[in-house]
Protein backbone atom coordinates (compact mmCIF):
# COMPACT_ATOMS: atom_id res chain seq x y z
CA UNK A 1 114.47 8.20 190.84
CA UNK A 2 112.94 8.14 187.39
CA UNK A 3 110.96 10.88 185.70
CA UNK A 4 107.79 10.27 183.71
CA UNK A 5 109.75 9.78 180.53
CA UNK A 6 111.52 6.88 182.20
CA UNK A 7 114.94 8.51 182.42
CA UNK A 8 117.22 8.77 185.44
CA UNK A 9 118.04 11.88 187.52
CA UNK A 10 119.94 13.58 184.66
CA UNK A 11 116.97 13.28 182.29
CA UNK A 12 117.93 12.09 178.82
CA UNK A 13 121.48 13.41 179.40
CA UNK A 14 123.89 12.42 182.15
CA UNK A 15 125.30 15.00 184.58
CA UNK A 16 128.63 15.08 182.76
CA UNK A 17 126.94 15.76 179.40
CA UNK A 18 124.83 18.53 180.99
CA UNK A 19 127.98 20.26 182.28
CA UNK A 20 129.47 20.16 178.78
CA UNK A 21 126.28 21.60 177.28
CA UNK A 22 126.15 24.39 179.88
CA UNK A 23 129.83 25.21 179.28
CA UNK A 24 129.30 25.33 175.51
CA UNK A 25 126.19 27.48 175.95
CA UNK A 26 128.09 29.95 178.13
CA UNK A 27 130.93 30.09 175.57
CA UNK A 28 128.46 30.71 172.71
CA UNK A 29 126.78 33.49 174.69
CA UNK A 30 130.17 35.10 175.41
CA UNK A 31 131.13 34.97 171.73
CA UNK A 32 127.78 36.47 170.67
CA UNK A 33 128.10 39.37 173.14
CA UNK A 34 131.74 39.97 172.13
CA UNK A 35 130.77 39.94 168.45
CA UNK A 36 127.89 42.40 168.91
CA UNK A 37 130.14 44.71 170.96
CA UNK A 38 132.75 44.66 168.19
CA UNK A 39 130.07 45.50 165.62
CA UNK A 40 128.76 48.62 167.39
CA UNK A 41 127.44 51.34 165.13
CA UNK A 42 130.25 53.72 164.24
CA UNK A 43 130.33 57.03 166.07
CA UNK A 44 129.30 59.63 163.48
CA UNK A 45 130.41 62.81 165.24
CA UNK A 46 133.25 63.29 162.74
CA UNK A 47 131.03 62.75 159.66
CA UNK A 48 131.27 66.40 158.59
CA UNK A 49 135.01 66.84 159.20
CA UNK A 50 135.59 66.52 155.45
CA UNK A 51 133.76 69.80 154.91
CA UNK A 52 135.54 72.08 157.36
CA UNK A 53 137.04 74.97 155.41
CA UNK A 54 136.21 77.34 152.55
CA UNK A 55 134.40 76.43 149.35
CA UNK A 56 133.37 78.00 146.05
CA UNK A 57 129.64 77.32 145.57
CA UNK A 58 127.51 76.98 142.45
CA UNK A 59 123.79 76.79 143.31
CA UNK A 60 120.67 76.07 141.24
CA UNK A 61 117.23 76.64 142.78
CA UNK A 62 113.80 75.71 141.42
CA UNK A 63 111.74 78.90 141.68
CA UNK A 64 108.34 77.37 142.51
CA UNK A 65 108.63 73.80 143.84
CA UNK A 66 105.72 71.36 143.48
CA UNK A 67 103.80 73.61 141.06
CA UNK A 68 104.87 72.04 137.79
CA UNK A 69 107.30 74.91 137.20
CA UNK A 70 110.58 74.16 135.44
CA UNK A 71 112.14 77.59 135.98
CA UNK A 72 115.52 77.42 137.69
CA UNK A 73 117.75 80.28 138.86
CA UNK A 74 121.50 80.05 139.40
CA UNK A 75 123.87 81.61 141.91
CA UNK A 76 127.62 81.79 142.51
CA UNK A 77 129.38 82.48 145.76
CA UNK A 78 131.03 80.95 148.78
CA UNK A 79 130.44 78.56 151.63
CA UNK A 80 132.42 78.58 154.87
CA UNK A 81 132.16 75.62 157.26
CA UNK A 82 133.49 76.04 160.81
CA UNK A 83 133.93 73.39 163.48
CA UNK A 84 132.00 73.93 166.74
CA UNK A 85 132.17 71.93 169.99
CA UNK A 86 135.29 70.08 168.83
CA UNK A 87 133.47 68.70 165.79
CA UNK A 88 130.24 67.59 167.46
CA UNK A 89 128.62 70.52 165.66
CA UNK A 90 129.48 72.78 162.76
CA UNK A 91 128.27 76.03 161.26
CA UNK A 92 127.77 76.51 157.52
CA UNK A 93 127.69 80.08 156.17
CA UNK A 94 126.39 80.39 152.59
CA UNK A 95 126.62 83.63 150.59
CA UNK A 96 125.64 83.42 146.90
CA UNK A 97 124.42 85.90 144.27
CA UNK A 98 122.72 85.64 140.90
CA UNK A 99 120.20 87.33 138.58
CA UNK A 100 117.42 86.46 141.05
CA UNK A 101 119.21 88.17 143.94
CA UNK A 102 121.27 87.10 146.92
CA UNK A 103 120.96 84.25 149.39
CA UNK A 104 122.63 84.60 152.77
CA UNK A 105 121.98 81.53 154.88
CA UNK A 106 123.42 79.38 157.59
CA UNK A 107 123.01 75.82 158.74
CA UNK A 108 123.79 74.77 162.28
CA UNK A 109 124.46 71.03 162.29
CA UNK A 110 124.21 69.29 165.65
CA UNK A 111 125.25 65.72 166.46
CA UNK A 112 123.18 63.54 168.82
CA UNK A 113 125.51 60.90 170.35
CA UNK A 114 122.59 58.78 171.59
CA UNK A 115 120.87 58.36 168.21
CA UNK A 116 124.15 58.82 166.27
CA UNK A 117 122.29 61.19 163.95
CA UNK A 118 122.70 64.79 162.86
CA UNK A 119 120.09 67.55 162.79
CA UNK A 120 120.56 70.18 160.08
CA UNK A 121 119.02 73.49 161.18
CA UNK A 122 118.69 76.01 158.33
CA UNK A 123 118.05 79.75 158.46
CA UNK A 124 118.31 82.60 155.97
CA UNK A 125 118.33 86.36 156.36
CA UNK A 126 114.92 86.65 154.67
CA UNK A 127 113.17 84.66 157.41
CA UNK A 128 115.43 85.20 160.39
CA UNK A 129 114.38 81.97 162.13
CA UNK A 130 115.50 78.33 162.06
CA UNK A 131 113.45 75.99 159.91
CA UNK A 132 112.35 72.54 161.05
CA UNK A 133 115.57 70.48 161.14
CA UNK A 134 116.21 67.66 158.73
CA UNK A 135 117.52 64.65 160.64
CA UNK A 136 119.62 61.74 159.42
CA UNK A 137 123.05 60.19 159.09
CA UNK A 138 125.83 59.13 156.75
CA UNK A 139 126.05 55.61 155.34
CA UNK A 140 128.77 54.57 152.91
CA UNK A 141 129.83 58.19 152.36
CA UNK A 142 126.30 59.45 151.59
CA UNK A 143 124.31 61.59 154.01
CA UNK A 144 120.50 61.49 153.93
CA UNK A 145 118.36 63.77 156.09
CA UNK A 146 114.55 64.03 156.28
CA UNK A 147 111.77 66.07 157.83
CA UNK A 148 108.13 67.03 157.34
CA UNK A 149 107.12 70.62 156.61
CA UNK A 150 104.27 72.65 155.16
CA UNK A 151 104.45 74.28 151.72
CA UNK A 152 101.54 76.32 150.41
CA UNK A 153 99.29 74.88 153.14
CA UNK A 154 100.17 71.27 152.19
CA UNK A 155 102.13 68.86 154.31
CA UNK A 156 105.24 67.68 152.45
CA UNK A 157 108.31 65.53 153.07
CA UNK A 158 111.77 67.04 152.66
CA UNK A 159 114.90 65.08 151.77
CA UNK A 160 118.41 66.55 151.85
CA UNK A 161 121.28 64.49 150.43
CA UNK A 162 125.05 65.07 150.64
CA UNK A 163 127.79 63.19 148.77
CA UNK A 164 131.30 63.91 147.52
CA UNK A 165 133.10 62.88 144.34
CA UNK A 166 136.43 63.40 146.09
CA UNK A 167 137.99 65.47 148.89
CA UNK A 168 137.58 68.70 146.87
CA UNK A 169 134.11 68.39 145.27
CA UNK A 170 130.84 67.86 147.16
CA UNK A 171 127.17 67.93 146.17
CA UNK A 172 124.05 68.94 148.09
CA UNK A 173 120.55 68.20 146.84
CA UNK A 174 117.17 69.01 148.34
CA UNK A 175 113.92 67.43 147.15
CA UNK A 176 110.25 67.69 148.16
CA UNK A 177 107.52 65.04 148.08
CA UNK A 178 103.80 65.77 148.34
CA UNK A 179 102.72 62.12 148.10
CA UNK A 180 104.32 60.60 151.19
CA UNK A 181 107.71 59.94 149.64
CA UNK A 182 106.62 58.01 146.53
CA UNK A 183 107.84 60.73 144.17
CA UNK A 184 110.46 63.40 144.79
CA UNK A 185 111.04 66.69 142.99
CA UNK A 186 114.55 68.12 143.31
CA UNK A 187 114.50 71.89 143.95
CA UNK A 188 117.99 72.78 145.23
CA UNK A 189 121.30 71.61 143.74
CA UNK A 190 124.61 72.92 145.06
CA UNK A 191 128.12 71.91 144.08
CA UNK A 192 130.99 73.01 146.32
CA UNK A 193 134.61 73.10 145.19
CA UNK A 194 137.25 73.45 147.89
CA UNK A 195 139.25 76.69 147.99
CA UNK A 196 142.89 75.80 148.64
């Protein structure tokens, strides 16, 4: 029997050729699935393991962010990072002092295995409540975390970045944006040095 194109039962290909094409297609599909499985996104629940322990902290804080102010205050103190839930969470305890006073704060960092992202939940003794968490992940040794908050009645974006020079020196930087992320003003710079 011929089809409208004038070809026999196997169309433009014979039955043998069709079997080869189907076999090759199945092999290609298998290889694609195997490749995508091998390239799964890395599990990030150990991303903060580098920071577990005790640190000496030097902190600089911009006194009045997003006002045009250039007045910074500095603090010295300690940071203690403890593992919680076998590393799927950790607790940061910050205690620093300077001419502007004392900052006692904590950050509870929680890992979401579904999204493979962390939420950083900050609180200090002055407020006594958790702030809106910044959420993000590590890529190539650099952690970036974002949220949206209100400052002085204005909606702003918040960015928190973490990176390390080596196993014993790490940096933490917070910045605000009032124009949807086009421009960022850094307002918190901390450098931690491991206590051995």
